[in-house]
Amino acid sequence: MSKQNRVFVLDNHRNPLMPCHPARARQLLKKGKAAVFRRYPFTIILKEREDGGVQPLRMKLDPGAKVTGMALVVSFQRGDVVLWAAELE
């Protein structure tokens, strides 16, 4: 599994879309096609997009003795990709 930074994306009705790469999010913000919806986790909202396809995600948990790991994973043709990860103490 590879881990990449991703930015959460919402359409203009606040429905979730597939997360995008931070560079793509910067382009959308700079062109005025998106706005910052939330700072943590960083989420943008698209101004003109009304719907879009999403791929199935899996939530993986790793319960440990002191810390529980959580990850959102999507399966692509090139393999599994971690879209978001966090630790819960």
PDB file of N, CA and C in Angstrom:
ATOM      1  N   MET A   1       0.840  -1.180   0.000  1.00  0.00           N
ATOM      2  CA  MET A   1       0.000   0.000   0.000  1.00  0.00           C
ATOM      3  C   MET A   1       0.884   1.240   0.000  1.00  0.00           C
ATOM      4  N   SER A   2       0.609   2.160  -0.874  1.00  0.00           N
ATOM      5  CA  SER A   2       1.345   3.413  -0.875  1.00  0.00           C
ATOM      6  C   SER A   2       0.527   4.477  -0.158  1.00  0.00           C
ATOM      7  N   LYS A   3       1.227   5.411   0.472  1.00  0.00           N
ATOM      8  CA  LYS A   3       0.549   6.476   1.204  1.00  0.00           C
ATOM      9  C   LYS A   3       0.814   7.797   0.499  1.00  0.00           C
ATOM     10  N   GLN A   4      -0.246   8.503   0.192  1.00  0.00           N
ATOM     11  CA  GLN A   4      -0.140   9.792  -0.462  1.00  0.00           C
ATOM     12  C   GLN A   4      -1.022  10.786   0.269  1.00  0.00           C
ATOM     13  N   ASN A   5      -0.615  12.034   0.236  1.00  0.00           N
ATOM     14  CA  ASN A   5      -1.477  13.078   0.790  1.00  0.00           C
ATOM     15  C   ASN A   5      -2.613  13.323  -0.179  1.00  0.00           C
ATOM     16  N   ARG A   6      -3.786  13.480   0.351  1.00  0.00           N
ATOM     17  CA  ARG A   6      -4.962  13.765  -0.467  1.00  0.00           C
ATOM     18  C   ARG A   6      -5.789  14.836   0.210  1.00  0.00           C
ATOM     19  N   VAL A   7      -6.560  15.556  -0.581  1.00  0.00           N
ATOM     20  CA  VAL A   7      -7.449  16.606  -0.093  1.00  0.00           C
ATOM     21  C   VAL A   7      -8.875  16.132  -0.319  1.00  0.00           C
ATOM     22  N   PHE A   8      -9.705  16.210   0.699  1.00  0.00           N
ATOM     23  CA  PHE A   8     -11.104  15.823   0.562  1.00  0.00           C
ATOM     24  C   PHE A   8     -11.828  16.869  -0.282  1.00  0.00           C
ATOM     25  N   VAL A   9     -12.789  16.401  -1.093  1.00  0.00           N
ATOM     26  CA  VAL A   9     -13.503  17.266  -2.039  1.00  0.00           C
ATOM     27  C   VAL A   9     -15.006  17.060  -1.868  1.00  0.00           C
ATOM     28  N   LEU A  10     -15.747  18.178  -1.878  1.00  0.00           N
ATOM     29  CA  LEU A  10     -17.210  18.152  -1.828  1.00  0.00           C
ATOM     30  C   LEU A  10     -17.756  18.848  -3.061  1.00  0.00           C
ATOM     31  N   ASP A  11     -18.932  18.403  -3.547  1.00  0.00           N
ATOM     32  CA  ASP A  11     -19.580  19.145  -4.626  1.00  0.00           C
ATOM     33  C   ASP A  11     -20.351  20.313  -4.009  1.00  0.00           C
ATOM     34  N   ASN A  12     -21.034  21.101  -4.832  1.00  0.00           N
ATOM     35  CA  ASN A  12     -21.690  22.300  -4.301  1.00  0.00           C
ATOM     36  C   ASN A  12     -22.912  21.985  -3.440  1.00  0.00           C
ATOM     37  N   HIS A  13     -23.322  20.706  -3.378  1.00  0.00           N
ATOM     38  CA  HIS A  13     -24.411  20.303  -2.477  1.00  0.00           C
ATOM     39  C   HIS A  13     -23.869  19.601  -1.234  1.00  0.00           C
ATOM     40  N   ARG A  14     -22.564  19.697  -1.036  1.00  0.00           N
ATOM     41  CA  ARG A  14     -21.847  19.106   0.103  1.00  0.00           C
ATOM     42  C   ARG A  14     -21.846  17.580   0.099  1.00  0.00           C
ATOM     43  N   ASN A  15     -21.952  16.990  -1.067  1.00  0.00           N
ATOM     44  CA  ASN A  15     -21.824  15.539  -1.202  1.00  0.00           C
ATOM     45  C   ASN A  15     -20.353  15.214  -1.463  1.00  0.00           C
ATOM     46  N   PRO A  16     -19.827  14.145  -0.865  1.00  0.00           N
ATOM     47  CA  PRO A  16     -18.408  13.835  -1.047  1.00  0.00           C
ATOM     48  C   PRO A  16     -18.086  13.323  -2.439  1.00  0.00           C
ATOM     49  N   LEU A  17     -16.939  13.739  -2.942  1.00  0.00           N
ATOM     50  CA  LEU A  17     -16.374  13.241  -4.191  1.00  0.00           C
ATOM     51  C   LEU A  17     -15.052  12.567  -3.853  1.00  0.00           C
ATOM     52  N   MET A  18     -14.402  11.996  -4.843  1.00  0.00           N
ATOM     53  CA  MET A  18     -13.113  11.357  -4.594  1.00  0.00           C
ATOM     54  C   MET A  18     -12.076  12.415  -4.222  1.00  0.00           C
ATOM     55  N   PRO A  19     -11.245  12.130  -3.234  1.00  0.00           N
ATOM     56  CA  PRO A  19     -10.189  13.064  -2.847  1.00  0.00           C
ATOM     57  C   PRO A  19      -9.223  13.306  -4.006  1.00  0.00           C
ATOM     58  N   CYS A  20      -8.592  14.477  -4.002  1.00  0.00           N
ATOM     59  CA  CYS A  20      -7.659  14.823  -5.070  1.00  0.00           C
ATOM     60  C   CYS A  20      -6.277  15.118  -4.490  1.00  0.00           C
ATOM     61  N   HIS A  21      -5.307  15.212  -5.351  1.00  0.00           N
ATOM     62  CA  HIS A  21      -3.934  15.524  -4.973  1.00  0.00           C
ATOM     63  C   HIS A  21      -3.867  16.992  -4.532  1.00  0.00           C
ATOM     64  N   PRO A  22      -3.013  17.334  -3.565  1.00  0.00           N
ATOM     65  CA  PRO A  22      -2.917  18.732  -3.109  1.00  0.00           C
ATOM     66  C   PRO A  22      -2.602  19.732  -4.227  1.00  0.00           C
ATOM     67  N   ALA A  23      -1.807  19.336  -5.217  1.00  0.00           N
ATOM     68  CA  ALA A  23      -1.499  20.246  -6.323  1.00  0.00           C
ATOM     69  C   ALA A  23      -2.760  20.572  -7.116  1.00  0.00           C
ATOM     70  N   ARG A  24      -3.611  19.576  -7.326  1.00  0.00           N
ATOM     71  CA  ARG A  24      -4.873  19.800  -8.037  1.00  0.00           C
ATOM     72  C   ARG A  24      -5.782  20.720  -7.223  1.00  0.00           C
ATOM     73  N   ALA A  25      -5.806  20.535  -5.906  1.00  0.00           N
ATOM     74  CA  ALA A  25      -6.619  21.390  -5.043  1.00  0.00           C
ATOM     75  C   ALA A  25      -6.122  22.838  -5.108  1.00  0.00           C
ATOM     76  N   ARG A  26      -4.801  23.040  -5.115  1.00  0.00           N
ATOM     77  CA  ARG A  26      -4.246  24.396  -5.234  1.00  0.00           C
ATOM     78  C   ARG A  26      -4.670  25.048  -6.540  1.00  0.00           C
ATOM     79  N   GLN A  27      -4.642  24.278  -7.639  1.00  0.00           N
ATOM     80  CA  GLN A  27      -5.061  24.812  -8.944  1.00  0.00           C
ATOM     81  C   GLN A  27      -6.524  25.239  -8.907  1.00  0.00           C
ATOM     82  N   LEU A  28      -7.375  24.404  -8.343  1.00  0.00           N
ATOM     83  CA  LEU A  28      -8.804  24.724  -8.276  1.00  0.00           C
ATOM     84  C   LEU A  28      -9.046  25.963  -7.417  1.00  0.00           C
ATOM     85  N   LEU A  29      -8.327  26.078  -6.292  1.00  0.00           N
ATOM     86  CA  LEU A  29      -8.480  27.246  -5.424  1.00  0.00           C
ATOM     87  C   LEU A  29      -7.975  28.516  -6.109  1.00  0.00           C
ATOM     88  N   LYS A  30      -6.846  28.408  -6.800  1.00  0.00           N
ATOM     89  CA  LYS A  30      -6.254  29.568  -7.473  1.00  0.00           C
ATOM     90  C   LYS A  30      -7.139  30.076  -8.613  1.00  0.00           C
ATOM     91  N   LYS A  31      -7.786  29.151  -9.345  1.00  0.00           N
ATOM     92  CA  LYS A  31      -8.666  29.534 -10.456  1.00  0.00           C
ATOM     93  C   LYS A  31     -10.035  29.993  -9.987  1.00  0.00           C
ATOM     94  N   GLY A  32     -10.323  29.865  -8.686  1.00  0.00           N
ATOM     95  CA  GLY A  32     -11.613  30.288  -8.164  1.00  0.00           C
ATOM     96  C   GLY A  32     -12.720  29.264  -8.367  1.00  0.00           C
ATOM     97  N   LYS A  33     -12.370  28.043  -8.756  1.00  0.00           N
ATOM     98  CA  LYS A  33     -13.370  26.999  -8.974  1.00  0.00           C
ATOM     99  C   LYS A  33     -13.734  26.271  -7.688  1.00  0.00           C
ATOM    100  N   ALA A  34     -12.978  26.528  -6.614  1.00  0.00           N
ATOM    101  CA  ALA A  34     -13.220  25.863  -5.331  1.00  0.00           C
ATOM    102  C   ALA A  34     -12.942  26.846  -4.199  1.00  0.00           C
ATOM    103  N   ALA A  35     -13.455  26.500  -3.025  1.00  0.00           N
ATOM    104  CA  ALA A  35     -13.211  27.292  -1.822  1.00  0.00           C
ATOM    105  C   ALA A  35     -12.867  26.330  -0.683  1.00  0.00           C
ATOM    106  N   VAL A  36     -12.193  26.854   0.336  1.00  0.00           N
ATOM    107  CA  VAL A  36     -11.864  26.032   1.496  1.00  0.00           C
ATOM    108  C   VAL A  36     -13.136  25.824   2.310  1.00  0.00           C
ATOM    109  N   PHE A  37     -13.486  24.577   2.545  1.00  0.00           N
ATOM    110  CA  PHE A  37     -14.676  24.244   3.330  1.00  0.00           C
ATOM    111  C   PHE A  37     -14.302  24.030   4.792  1.00  0.00           C
ATOM    112  N   ARG A  38     -13.194  23.328   5.023  1.00  0.00           N
ATOM    113  CA  ARG A  38     -12.740  23.037   6.383  1.00  0.00           C
ATOM    114  C   ARG A  38     -11.217  22.933   6.351  1.00  0.00           C
ATOM    115  N   ARG A  39     -10.571  23.369   7.435  1.00  0.00           N
ATOM    116  CA  ARG A  39      -9.112  23.322   7.480  1.00  0.00           C
ATOM    117  C   ARG A  39      -8.573  21.996   7.997  1.00  0.00           C
ATOM    118  N   TYR A  40      -9.275  21.318   8.899  1.00  0.00           N
ATOM    119  CA  TYR A  40      -8.824  20.014   9.372  1.00  0.00           C
ATOM    120  C   TYR A  40      -9.993  19.068   9.489  1.00  0.00           C
ATOM    121  N   PRO A  41     -10.002  17.951   8.819  1.00  0.00           N
ATOM    122  CA  PRO A  41      -9.092  17.636   7.719  1.00  0.00           C
ATOM    123  C   PRO A  41      -9.366  18.576   6.552  1.00  0.00           C
ATOM    124  N   PHE A  42      -8.292  18.968   5.867  1.00  0.00           N
ATOM    125  CA  PHE A  42      -8.424  19.974   4.818  1.00  0.00           C
ATOM    126  C   PHE A  42      -9.399  19.485   3.752  1.00  0.00           C
ATOM    127  N   THR A  43     -10.442  20.277   3.522  1.00  0.00           N
ATOM    128  CA  THR A  43     -11.515  19.923   2.597  1.00  0.00           C
ATOM    129  C   THR A  43     -11.848  21.129   1.739  1.00  0.00           C
ATOM    130  N   ILE A  44     -12.011  20.899   0.439  1.00  0.00           N
ATOM    131  CA  ILE A  44     -12.441  21.983  -0.445  1.00  0.00           C
ATOM    132  C   ILE A  44     -13.840  21.660  -0.954  1.00  0.00           C
ATOM    133  N   ILE A  45     -14.563  22.714  -1.320  1.00  0.00           N
ATOM    134  CA  ILE A  45     -15.894  22.554  -1.899  1.00  0.00           C
ATOM    135  C   ILE A  45     -15.866  23.176  -3.292  1.00  0.00           C
ATOM    136  N   LEU A  46     -16.319  22.420  -4.283  1.00  0.00           N
ATOM    137  CA  LEU A  46     -16.343  22.907  -5.660  1.00  0.00           C
ATOM    138  C   LEU A  46     -17.558  23.792  -5.859  1.00  0.00           C
ATOM    139  N   LYS A  47     -17.380  24.881  -6.571  1.00  0.00           N
ATOM    140  CA  LYS A  47     -18.458  25.855  -6.737  1.00  0.00           C
ATOM    141  C   LYS A  47     -19.447  25.479  -7.833  1.00  0.00           C
ATOM    142  N   GLU A  48     -19.007  24.751  -8.862  1.00  0.00           N
ATOM    143  CA  GLU A  48     -19.881  24.492 -10.007  1.00  0.00           C
ATOM    144  C   GLU A  48     -20.240  23.028 -10.193  1.00  0.00           C
ATOM    145  N   ARG A  49     -19.613  22.128  -9.518  1.00  0.00           N
ATOM    146  CA  ARG A  49     -19.850  20.683  -9.711  1.00  0.00           C
ATOM    147  C   ARG A  49     -21.036  20.229  -8.879  1.00  0.00           C
ATOM    148  N   GLU A  50     -21.974  19.533  -9.506  1.00  0.00           N
ATOM    149  CA  GLU A  50     -23.179  19.103  -8.798  1.00  0.00           C
ATOM    150  C   GLU A  50     -23.178  17.632  -8.445  1.00  0.00           C
ATOM    151  N   ASP A  51     -22.456  16.814  -9.191  1.00  0.00           N
ATOM    152  CA  ASP A  51     -22.416  15.396  -8.871  1.00  0.00           C
ATOM    153  C   ASP A  51     -21.136  14.808  -9.437  1.00  0.00           C
ATOM    154  N   GLY A  52     -20.882  13.583  -9.101  1.00  0.00           N
ATOM    155  CA  GLY A  52     -19.695  12.914  -9.604  1.00  0.00           C
ATOM    156  C   GLY A  52     -19.638  11.497  -9.085  1.00  0.00           C
ATOM    157  N   GLY A  53     -18.890  10.682  -9.773  1.00  0.00           N
ATOM    158  CA  GLY A  53     -18.755   9.298  -9.362  1.00  0.00           C
ATOM    159  C   GLY A  53     -17.743   9.148  -8.241  1.00  0.00           C
ATOM    160  N   VAL A  54     -18.004   8.204  -7.391  1.00  0.00           N
ATOM    161  CA  VAL A  54     -17.054   7.889  -6.325  1.00  0.00           C
ATOM    162  C   VAL A  54     -16.756   6.400  -6.388  1.00  0.00           C
ATOM    163  N   GLN A  55     -15.560   6.052  -5.996  1.00  0.00           N
ATOM    164  CA  GLN A  55     -15.157   4.660  -5.956  1.00  0.00           C
ATOM    165  C   GLN A  55     -15.336   4.129  -4.543  1.00  0.00           C
ATOM    166  N   PRO A  56     -15.545   2.827  -4.392  1.00  0.00           N
ATOM    167  CA  PRO A  56     -15.721   2.284  -3.050  1.00  0.00           C
ATOM    168  C   PRO A  56     -14.435   2.402  -2.229  1.00  0.00           C
ATOM    169  N   LEU A  57     -14.591   2.837  -1.001  1.00  0.00           N
ATOM    170  CA  LEU A  57     -13.474   2.971  -0.060  1.00  0.00           C
ATOM    171  C   LEU A  57     -13.602   1.912   1.015  1.00  0.00           C
ATOM    172  N   ARG A  58     -12.474   1.563   1.607  1.00  0.00           N
ATOM    173  CA  ARG A  58     -12.477   0.652   2.746  1.00  0.00           C
ATOM    174  C   ARG A  58     -11.889   1.372   3.940  1.00  0.00           C
ATOM    175  N   MET A  59     -12.489   1.170   5.097  1.00  0.00           N
ATOM    176  CA  MET A  59     -11.967   1.709   6.356  1.00  0.00           C
ATOM    177  C   MET A  59     -11.207   0.584   7.030  1.00  0.00           C
ATOM    178  N   LYS A  60      -9.912   0.784   7.264  1.00  0.00           N
ATOM    179  CA  LYS A  60      -9.102  -0.236   7.915  1.00  0.00           C
ATOM    180  C   LYS A  60      -8.734   0.245   9.310  1.00  0.00           C
ATOM    181  N   LEU A  61      -8.829  -0.646  10.276  1.00  0.00           N
ATOM    182  CA  LEU A  61      -8.494  -0.354  11.663  1.00  0.00           C
ATOM    183  C   LEU A  61      -7.382  -1.268  12.125  1.00  0.00           C
ATOM    184  N   ASP A  62      -6.483  -0.723  12.913  1.00  0.00           N
ATOM    185  CA  ASP A  62      -5.395  -1.500  13.492  1.00  0.00           C
ATOM    186  C   ASP A  62      -5.373  -1.224  14.992  1.00  0.00           C
ATOM    187  N   PRO A  63      -6.150  -2.008  15.774  1.00  0.00           N
ATOM    188  CA  PRO A  63      -6.181  -1.762  17.209  1.00  0.00           C
ATOM    189  C   PRO A  63      -4.863  -2.194  17.859  1.00  0.00           C
ATOM    190  N   GLY A  64      -4.247  -1.260  18.537  1.00  0.00           N
ATOM    191  CA  GLY A  64      -3.014  -1.556  19.239  1.00  0.00           C
ATOM    192  C   GLY A  64      -3.220  -1.434  20.736  1.00  0.00           C
ATOM    193  N   ALA A  65      -2.179  -1.662  21.504  1.00  0.00           N
ATOM    194  CA  ALA A  65      -2.272  -1.597  22.959  1.00  0.00           C
ATOM    195  C   ALA A  65      -2.510  -0.162  23.427  1.00  0.00           C
ATOM    196  N   LYS A  66      -1.839   0.816  22.798  1.00  0.00           N
ATOM    197  CA  LYS A  66      -1.958   2.207  23.232  1.00  0.00           C
ATOM    198  C   LYS A  66      -2.583   3.111  22.171  1.00  0.00           C
ATOM    199  N   VAL A  67      -2.376   2.776  20.918  1.00  0.00           N
ATOM    200  CA  VAL A  67      -2.835   3.621  19.819  1.00  0.00           C
ATOM    201  C   VAL A  67      -3.580   2.761  18.806  1.00  0.00           C
ATOM    202  N   THR A  68      -4.699   3.280  18.304  1.00  0.00           N
ATOM    203  CA  THR A  68      -5.448   2.613  17.242  1.00  0.00           C
ATOM    204  C   THR A  68      -5.217   3.361  15.937  1.00  0.00           C
ATOM    205  N   GLY A  69      -4.802   2.657  14.914  1.00  0.00           N
ATOM    206  CA  GLY A  69      -4.590   3.257  13.604  1.00  0.00           C
ATOM    207  C   GLY A  69      -5.830   3.121  12.747  1.00  0.00           C
ATOM    208  N   MET A  70      -6.141   4.172  11.989  1.00  0.00           N
ATOM    209  CA  MET A  70      -7.291   4.174  11.089  1.00  0.00           C
ATOM    210  C   MET A  70      -6.824   4.637   9.719  1.00  0.00           C
ATOM    211  N   ALA A  71      -7.371   4.057   8.659  1.00  0.00           N
ATOM    212  CA  ALA A  71      -6.995   4.458   7.311  1.00  0.00           C
ATOM    213  C   ALA A  71      -8.167   4.251   6.354  1.00  0.00           C
ATOM    214  N   LEU A  72      -8.309   5.182   5.415  1.00  0.00           N
ATOM    215  CA  LEU A  72      -9.243   5.032   4.298  1.00  0.00           C
ATOM    216  C   LEU A  72      -8.421   4.570   3.100  1.00  0.00           C
ATOM    217  N   VAL A  73      -8.791   3.423   2.529  1.00  0.00           N
ATOM    218  CA  VAL A  73      -8.018   2.812   1.456  1.00  0.00           C
ATOM    219  C   VAL A  73      -8.914   2.626   0.242  1.00  0.00           C
ATOM    220  N   VAL A  74      -8.375   2.934  -0.940  1.00  0.00           N
ATOM    221  CA  VAL A  74      -9.090   2.699  -2.195  1.00  0.00           C
ATOM    222  C   VAL A  74      -8.216   1.788  -3.057  1.00  0.00           C
ATOM    223  N   SER A  75      -8.859   0.890  -3.800  1.00  0.00           N
ATOM    224  CA  SER A  75      -8.133  -0.039  -4.665  1.00  0.00           C
ATOM    225  C   SER A  75      -8.150   0.474  -6.097  1.00  0.00           C
ATOM    226  N   PHE A  76      -6.956   0.721  -6.632  1.00  0.00           N
ATOM    227  CA  PHE A  76      -6.791   1.103  -8.024  1.00  0.00           C
ATOM    228  C   PHE A  76      -6.161  -0.070  -8.764  1.00  0.00           C
ATOM    229  N   GLN A  77      -6.040   0.035 -10.075  1.00  0.00           N
ATOM    230  CA  GLN A  77      -5.411  -1.026 -10.855  1.00  0.00           C
ATOM    231  C   GLN A  77      -3.945  -1.196 -10.471  1.00  0.00           C
ATOM    232  N   ARG A  78      -3.296  -0.111 -10.071  1.00  0.00           N
ATOM    233  CA  ARG A  78      -1.886  -0.187  -9.698  1.00  0.00           C
ATOM    234  C   ARG A  78      -1.683  -0.640  -8.260  1.00  0.00           C
ATOM    235  N   GLY A  79      -2.759  -0.852  -7.525  1.00  0.00           N
ATOM    236  CA  GLY A  79      -2.654  -1.339  -6.153  1.00  0.00           C
ATOM    237  C   GLY A  79      -3.472  -0.494  -5.197  1.00  0.00           C
ATOM    238  N   ASP A  80      -3.381  -0.831  -3.918  1.00  0.00           N
ATOM    239  CA  ASP A  80      -4.111  -0.101  -2.883  1.00  0.00           C
ATOM    240  C   ASP A  80      -3.405   1.209  -2.559  1.00  0.00           C
ATOM    241  N   VAL A  81      -4.207   2.260  -2.329  1.00  0.00           N
ATOM    242  CA  VAL A  81      -3.675   3.583  -1.991  1.00  0.00           C
ATOM    243  C   VAL A  81      -4.374   4.073  -0.741  1.00  0.00           C
ATOM    244  N   VAL A  82      -3.578   4.530   0.226  1.00  0.00           N
ATOM    245  CA  VAL A  82      -4.133   5.113   1.447  1.00  0.00           C
ATOM    246  C   VAL A  82      -4.493   6.563   1.163  1.00  0.00           C
ATOM    247  N   LEU A  83      -5.771   6.918   1.304  1.00  0.00           N
ATOM    248  CA  LEU A  83      -6.212   8.284   1.054  1.00  0.00           C
ATOM    249  C   LEU A  83      -6.119   9.139   2.302  1.00  0.00           C
ATOM    250  N   TRP A  84      -6.309   8.525   3.469  1.00  0.00           N
ATOM    251  CA  TRP A  84      -6.287   9.267   4.717  1.00  0.00           C
ATOM    252  C   TRP A  84      -5.909   8.301   5.827  1.00  0.00           C
ATOM    253  N   ALA A  85      -5.100   8.769   6.767  1.00  0.00           N
ATOM    254  CA  ALA A  85      -4.693   7.931   7.884  1.00  0.00           C
ATOM    255  C   ALA A  85      -4.630   8.781   9.149  1.00  0.00           C
ATOM    256  N   ALA A  86      -4.919   8.154  10.276  1.00  0.00           N
ATOM    257  CA  ALA A  86      -4.879   8.853  11.569  1.00  0.00           C
ATOM    258  C   ALA A  86      -4.617   7.844  12.678  1.00  0.00           C
ATOM    259  N   GLU A  87      -4.201   8.372  13.809  1.00  0.00           N
ATOM    260  CA  GLU A  87      -4.012   7.553  15.007  1.00  0.00           C
ATOM    261  C   GLU A  87      -4.905   8.078  16.110  1.00  0.00           C
ATOM    262  N   LEU A  88      -5.511   7.177  16.849  1.00  0.00           N
ATOM    263  CA  LEU A  88      -6.390   7.525  17.949  1.00  0.00           C
ATOM    264  C   LEU A  88      -5.793   6.979  19.229  1.00  0.00           C
ATOM    265  N   GLU A  89      -5.534   7.870  20.169  1.00  0.00           N
ATOM    266  CA  GLU A  89      -4.956   7.442  21.453  1.00  0.00           C
ATOM    267  C   GLU A  89      -6.037   7.225  22.480  1.00  0.00           C
TER     268      GLU A  89
END
